N, C-alpha and C. Protein backbone atom coordinates (compact mmCIF):
# COMPACT_ATOMS: atom_id res chain seq x y z
N MET A 1 0.83 -1.20 0.00
CA MET A 1 0.00 0.00 0.00
C MET A 1 0.87 1.26 0.00
N GLY A 2 1.96 1.24 0.77
CA GLY A 2 2.83 2.40 0.87
C GLY A 2 3.42 2.81 -0.47
N ASN A 3 3.80 1.81 -1.28
CA ASN A 3 4.36 2.13 -2.60
C ASN A 3 3.33 2.77 -3.51
N ASP A 4 2.08 2.32 -3.39
CA ASP A 4 1.00 2.91 -4.19
C ASP A 4 0.79 4.38 -3.80
N ILE A 5 0.79 4.63 -2.49
CA ILE A 5 0.60 6.00 -2.01
C ILE A 5 1.78 6.86 -2.43
N LEU A 6 3.00 6.33 -2.31
CA LEU A 6 4.19 7.07 -2.73
C LEU A 6 4.09 7.43 -4.21
N ALA A 7 3.67 6.49 -5.04
CA ALA A 7 3.53 6.75 -6.48
C ALA A 7 2.48 7.82 -6.74
N GLU A 8 1.37 7.79 -6.00
CA GLU A 8 0.33 8.80 -6.18
C GLU A 8 0.81 10.18 -5.76
N ILE A 9 1.50 10.25 -4.63
CA ILE A 9 2.03 11.54 -4.17
C ILE A 9 3.06 12.06 -5.16
N THR A 10 3.90 11.18 -5.67
CA THR A 10 4.89 11.59 -6.66
C THR A 10 4.21 12.18 -7.89
N GLY A 11 3.16 11.53 -8.35
CA GLY A 11 2.41 12.05 -9.50
C GLY A 11 1.82 13.42 -9.22
N MET A 12 1.29 13.59 -8.01
CA MET A 12 0.74 14.89 -7.62
C MET A 12 1.84 15.95 -7.61
N LEU A 13 2.99 15.59 -7.07
CA LEU A 13 4.10 16.56 -7.00
C LEU A 13 4.59 16.95 -8.37
N VAL A 14 4.66 15.99 -9.29
CA VAL A 14 5.08 16.31 -10.67
C VAL A 14 4.10 17.29 -11.29
N GLU A 15 2.79 17.08 -11.07
CA GLU A 15 1.78 18.00 -11.60
C GLU A 15 1.90 19.38 -10.97
N ILE A 16 2.11 19.42 -9.66
CA ILE A 16 2.14 20.69 -8.94
C ILE A 16 3.40 21.48 -9.25
N VAL A 17 4.55 20.81 -9.16
CA VAL A 17 5.83 21.49 -9.37
C VAL A 17 6.04 21.78 -10.85
N GLY A 18 5.58 20.85 -11.70
CA GLY A 18 5.67 21.06 -13.13
C GLY A 18 7.05 20.91 -13.71
N ASP A 19 7.98 20.38 -12.93
CA ASP A 19 9.34 20.21 -13.43
C ASP A 19 9.51 18.81 -14.00
N GLU A 20 10.04 18.74 -15.18
CA GLU A 20 10.25 17.46 -15.84
C GLU A 20 11.32 16.63 -15.12
N TYR A 21 12.23 17.28 -14.42
CA TYR A 21 13.31 16.55 -13.76
C TYR A 21 12.81 15.77 -12.55
N LEU A 22 11.61 16.08 -12.07
CA LEU A 22 11.07 15.40 -10.90
C LEU A 22 10.45 14.08 -11.35
N LEU A 23 11.28 13.07 -11.48
CA LEU A 23 10.83 11.77 -11.96
C LEU A 23 10.49 10.86 -10.79
N ALA A 24 9.70 9.84 -11.07
CA ALA A 24 9.22 8.95 -10.02
C ALA A 24 10.34 8.31 -9.21
N ASP A 25 11.43 7.96 -9.85
CA ASP A 25 12.50 7.30 -9.11
C ASP A 25 13.35 8.28 -8.30
N GLU A 26 13.11 9.57 -8.43
CA GLU A 26 13.84 10.57 -7.65
C GLU A 26 13.15 10.87 -6.32
N VAL A 27 11.86 10.60 -6.22
CA VAL A 27 11.12 10.85 -4.99
C VAL A 27 11.05 9.53 -4.23
N THR A 28 11.61 9.54 -3.02
CA THR A 28 11.61 8.35 -2.18
C THR A 28 10.95 8.69 -0.85
N MET A 29 10.86 7.72 0.02
CA MET A 29 10.30 7.94 1.35
C MET A 29 11.15 8.93 2.14
N LYS A 30 12.43 9.03 1.82
CA LYS A 30 13.35 9.92 2.56
C LYS A 30 13.43 11.32 1.97
N THR A 31 12.82 11.54 0.81
CA THR A 31 12.84 12.85 0.17
C THR A 31 12.12 13.86 1.07
N THR A 32 12.76 15.00 1.31
CA THR A 32 12.13 16.04 2.14
C THR A 32 11.45 17.07 1.25
N PHE A 33 10.34 17.59 1.76
CA PHE A 33 9.59 18.58 1.00
C PHE A 33 10.35 19.91 0.91
N ASN A 34 11.03 20.28 1.97
CA ASN A 34 11.69 21.57 2.00
C ASN A 34 13.05 21.53 1.31
N GLU A 35 13.95 20.71 1.82
CA GLU A 35 15.32 20.72 1.31
C GLU A 35 15.46 20.08 -0.06
N ASP A 36 14.85 18.90 -0.25
CA ASP A 36 15.02 18.18 -1.52
C ASP A 36 14.12 18.71 -2.63
N LEU A 37 12.87 18.98 -2.30
CA LEU A 37 11.92 19.42 -3.33
C LEU A 37 11.72 20.93 -3.38
N ALA A 38 12.12 21.61 -2.31
CA ALA A 38 12.00 23.07 -2.22
C ALA A 38 10.57 23.54 -2.51
N LEU A 39 9.59 22.83 -1.92
CA LEU A 39 8.20 23.23 -2.11
C LEU A 39 7.93 24.56 -1.43
N GLU A 40 7.21 25.41 -2.10
CA GLU A 40 6.79 26.69 -1.52
C GLU A 40 5.41 26.50 -0.91
N SER A 41 5.00 27.46 -0.11
CA SER A 41 3.72 27.31 0.60
C SER A 41 2.54 27.14 -0.35
N ILE A 42 2.54 27.83 -1.46
CA ILE A 42 1.44 27.71 -2.42
C ILE A 42 1.39 26.30 -3.00
N GLU A 43 2.56 25.66 -3.13
CA GLU A 43 2.61 24.29 -3.64
C GLU A 43 2.10 23.30 -2.58
N PHE A 44 2.35 23.61 -1.29
CA PHE A 44 1.77 22.79 -0.22
C PHE A 44 0.25 22.88 -0.25
N VAL A 45 -0.27 24.06 -0.51
CA VAL A 45 -1.72 24.23 -0.60
C VAL A 45 -2.28 23.40 -1.75
N ALA A 46 -1.59 23.45 -2.89
CA ALA A 46 -2.03 22.66 -4.04
C ALA A 46 -1.95 21.16 -3.74
N LEU A 47 -0.92 20.74 -3.01
CA LEU A 47 -0.80 19.34 -2.62
C LEU A 47 -1.94 18.96 -1.68
N ALA A 48 -2.25 19.84 -0.74
CA ALA A 48 -3.36 19.58 0.19
C ALA A 48 -4.66 19.39 -0.57
N GLU A 49 -4.90 20.22 -1.59
CA GLU A 49 -6.12 20.10 -2.39
C GLU A 49 -6.14 18.79 -3.17
N ALA A 50 -4.99 18.42 -3.74
CA ALA A 50 -4.92 17.16 -4.50
C ALA A 50 -5.15 15.96 -3.59
N LEU A 51 -4.58 16.00 -2.39
CA LEU A 51 -4.77 14.91 -1.44
C LEU A 51 -6.23 14.82 -1.01
N HIS A 52 -6.85 15.96 -0.76
CA HIS A 52 -8.26 16.01 -0.38
C HIS A 52 -9.13 15.42 -1.49
N HIS A 53 -8.82 15.79 -2.72
CA HIS A 53 -9.58 15.28 -3.86
C HIS A 53 -9.42 13.76 -3.99
N ARG A 54 -8.21 13.27 -3.80
CA ARG A 54 -7.94 11.84 -3.97
C ARG A 54 -8.42 10.99 -2.79
N TYR A 55 -8.16 11.45 -1.56
CA TYR A 55 -8.40 10.63 -0.38
C TYR A 55 -9.57 11.08 0.49
N GLY A 56 -10.12 12.25 0.21
CA GLY A 56 -11.22 12.76 1.00
C GLY A 56 -10.76 13.63 2.15
N ALA A 57 -11.72 14.11 2.91
CA ALA A 57 -11.46 15.06 3.98
C ALA A 57 -10.64 14.48 5.12
N ALA A 58 -10.65 13.17 5.27
CA ALA A 58 -9.91 12.55 6.38
C ALA A 58 -8.41 12.80 6.26
N VAL A 59 -7.91 12.92 5.03
CA VAL A 59 -6.48 13.23 4.84
C VAL A 59 -6.37 14.74 4.75
N ASP A 60 -6.15 15.34 5.90
CA ASP A 60 -6.10 16.79 6.04
C ASP A 60 -4.64 17.22 6.21
N LEU A 61 -3.98 17.58 5.10
CA LEU A 61 -2.56 17.94 5.16
C LEU A 61 -2.33 19.13 6.07
N MET A 62 -3.16 20.12 5.99
CA MET A 62 -2.96 21.31 6.83
C MET A 62 -3.14 20.97 8.31
N GLY A 63 -4.08 20.12 8.63
CA GLY A 63 -4.26 19.67 10.00
C GLY A 63 -3.07 18.85 10.47
N PHE A 64 -2.54 18.01 9.59
CA PHE A 64 -1.36 17.20 9.89
C PHE A 64 -0.16 18.11 10.16
N LEU A 65 0.01 19.14 9.34
CA LEU A 65 1.12 20.09 9.54
C LEU A 65 0.93 20.92 10.81
N ALA A 66 -0.31 21.22 11.15
CA ALA A 66 -0.59 22.04 12.34
C ALA A 66 -0.13 21.35 13.62
N GLU A 67 -0.03 20.03 13.59
CA GLU A 67 0.42 19.27 14.76
C GLU A 67 1.93 19.33 14.95
N LYS A 68 2.64 19.88 13.97
CA LYS A 68 4.10 19.89 14.01
C LYS A 68 4.63 21.29 14.30
N ASP A 69 5.84 21.36 14.89
CA ASP A 69 6.47 22.67 15.04
C ASP A 69 7.20 23.00 13.73
N MET A 70 7.71 24.21 13.62
CA MET A 70 8.32 24.67 12.36
C MET A 70 9.49 23.78 11.93
N ASP A 71 10.34 23.38 12.86
CA ASP A 71 11.48 22.52 12.50
C ASP A 71 11.01 21.18 11.94
N ALA A 72 9.97 20.62 12.54
CA ALA A 72 9.45 19.33 12.06
C ALA A 72 8.81 19.48 10.68
N ILE A 73 8.15 20.61 10.44
CA ILE A 73 7.57 20.86 9.12
C ILE A 73 8.67 20.97 8.07
N LEU A 74 9.71 21.72 8.40
CA LEU A 74 10.81 21.91 7.45
C LEU A 74 11.56 20.61 7.16
N ALA A 75 11.59 19.71 8.13
CA ALA A 75 12.32 18.45 7.97
C ALA A 75 11.43 17.31 7.47
N MET A 76 10.13 17.56 7.29
CA MET A 76 9.20 16.50 6.95
C MET A 76 9.55 15.82 5.62
N SER A 77 9.47 14.50 5.65
CA SER A 77 9.77 13.71 4.45
C SER A 77 8.48 13.25 3.78
N VAL A 78 8.62 12.86 2.55
CA VAL A 78 7.49 12.29 1.81
C VAL A 78 7.01 11.04 2.54
N GLY A 79 7.94 10.28 3.11
CA GLY A 79 7.59 9.07 3.85
C GLY A 79 6.67 9.34 5.03
N GLU A 80 6.86 10.45 5.72
CA GLU A 80 5.97 10.79 6.83
C GLU A 80 4.55 10.99 6.33
N LEU A 81 4.41 11.65 5.19
CA LEU A 81 3.09 11.87 4.62
C LEU A 81 2.49 10.56 4.14
N VAL A 82 3.29 9.71 3.51
CA VAL A 82 2.81 8.41 3.06
C VAL A 82 2.30 7.59 4.24
N THR A 83 3.06 7.59 5.34
CA THR A 83 2.67 6.86 6.54
C THR A 83 1.36 7.41 7.11
N HIS A 84 1.25 8.74 7.16
CA HIS A 84 0.03 9.38 7.65
C HIS A 84 -1.18 8.97 6.81
N ILE A 85 -1.04 9.03 5.51
CA ILE A 85 -2.14 8.67 4.61
C ILE A 85 -2.46 7.18 4.76
N GLY A 86 -1.43 6.35 4.86
CA GLY A 86 -1.64 4.92 5.03
C GLY A 86 -2.42 4.60 6.29
N ARG A 87 -2.09 5.28 7.39
CA ARG A 87 -2.82 5.07 8.65
C ARG A 87 -4.28 5.45 8.51
N ILE A 88 -4.53 6.59 7.89
CA ILE A 88 -5.91 7.07 7.75
C ILE A 88 -6.71 6.19 6.80
N THR A 89 -6.13 5.84 5.67
CA THR A 89 -6.88 5.01 4.72
C THR A 89 -7.07 3.60 5.27
N HIS A 90 -6.09 3.09 6.00
CA HIS A 90 -6.22 1.76 6.61
C HIS A 90 -7.34 1.77 7.65
N ALA A 91 -7.36 2.81 8.48
CA ALA A 91 -8.40 2.93 9.51
C ALA A 91 -9.78 3.06 8.85
N SER A 92 -9.84 3.81 7.77
CA SER A 92 -11.10 4.00 7.05
C SER A 92 -11.58 2.68 6.45
N LEU A 93 -10.65 1.92 5.87
CA LEU A 93 -11.01 0.62 5.30
C LEU A 93 -11.48 -0.34 6.40
N ALA A 94 -10.80 -0.29 7.54
CA ALA A 94 -11.17 -1.17 8.65
C ALA A 94 -12.57 -0.82 9.16
N ARG A 95 -12.86 0.48 9.27
CA ARG A 95 -14.20 0.90 9.69
C ARG A 95 -15.24 0.45 8.68
N GLY A 96 -14.91 0.60 7.40
CA GLY A 96 -15.85 0.19 6.35
C GLY A 96 -16.11 -1.30 6.38
N ALA A 97 -15.06 -2.10 6.60
CA ALA A 97 -15.21 -3.55 6.64
C ALA A 97 -16.03 -3.96 7.86
N ALA A 98 -15.77 -3.32 8.99
CA ALA A 98 -16.52 -3.63 10.20
C ALA A 98 -17.99 -3.26 10.03
N GLY A 99 -18.24 -2.13 9.38
CA GLY A 99 -19.62 -1.69 9.15
C GLY A 99 -20.36 -2.61 8.21
N SER A 100 -19.68 -3.05 7.15
CA SER A 100 -20.36 -3.94 6.19
C SER A 100 -20.58 -5.32 6.79
N GLY A 101 -19.68 -5.75 7.69
CA GLY A 101 -19.88 -7.03 8.37
C GLY A 101 -21.09 -6.99 9.27
N ALA A 102 -21.25 -5.88 9.97
CA ALA A 102 -22.39 -5.73 10.86
C ALA A 102 -23.70 -5.68 10.05
N THR A 103 -23.62 -5.00 8.89
CA THR A 103 -24.79 -4.92 8.04
C THR A 103 -25.15 -6.30 7.49
N SER A 104 -24.15 -7.07 7.07
CA SER A 104 -24.38 -8.41 6.55
C SER A 104 -25.00 -9.29 7.62
N ALA A 105 -24.50 -9.18 8.86
CA ALA A 105 -25.02 -9.99 9.96
C ALA A 105 -26.48 -9.62 10.24
N ALA A 106 -26.79 -8.34 10.17
CA ALA A 106 -28.15 -7.88 10.43
C ALA A 106 -29.10 -8.37 9.34
N VAL A 107 -28.62 -8.35 8.08
CA VAL A 107 -29.44 -8.81 6.97
C VAL A 107 -29.64 -10.31 7.07
N ALA A 108 -28.59 -11.04 7.43
CA ALA A 108 -28.66 -12.50 7.51
C ALA A 108 -29.56 -12.94 8.66
N GLY A 109 -29.60 -12.11 9.75
CA GLY A 109 -30.35 -12.49 10.95
C GLY A 109 -31.78 -12.25 10.81
């Protein structure tokens, strides 16, 4: 799942940054948004919108960043975001599976 999320984030970054040199094999889990990619705040906003569109409101990049101090934001890696998205989507899938199981049991009963 993590590799899929990494690939999706990489695709979003290529669209947002618009640089041809930003190829999929250059963005890794250790790539930092500030030092390696030099994302500006407007690009973070665009990334937040793309993530919201793809994953829904549960993946709130601005809320995720608000939990960090400035040093942690500046040092944040793509891997941290991938992990955050993975946790949220996994939890969402687990809730969905639990809900559909309960519904199936109710229908069967």
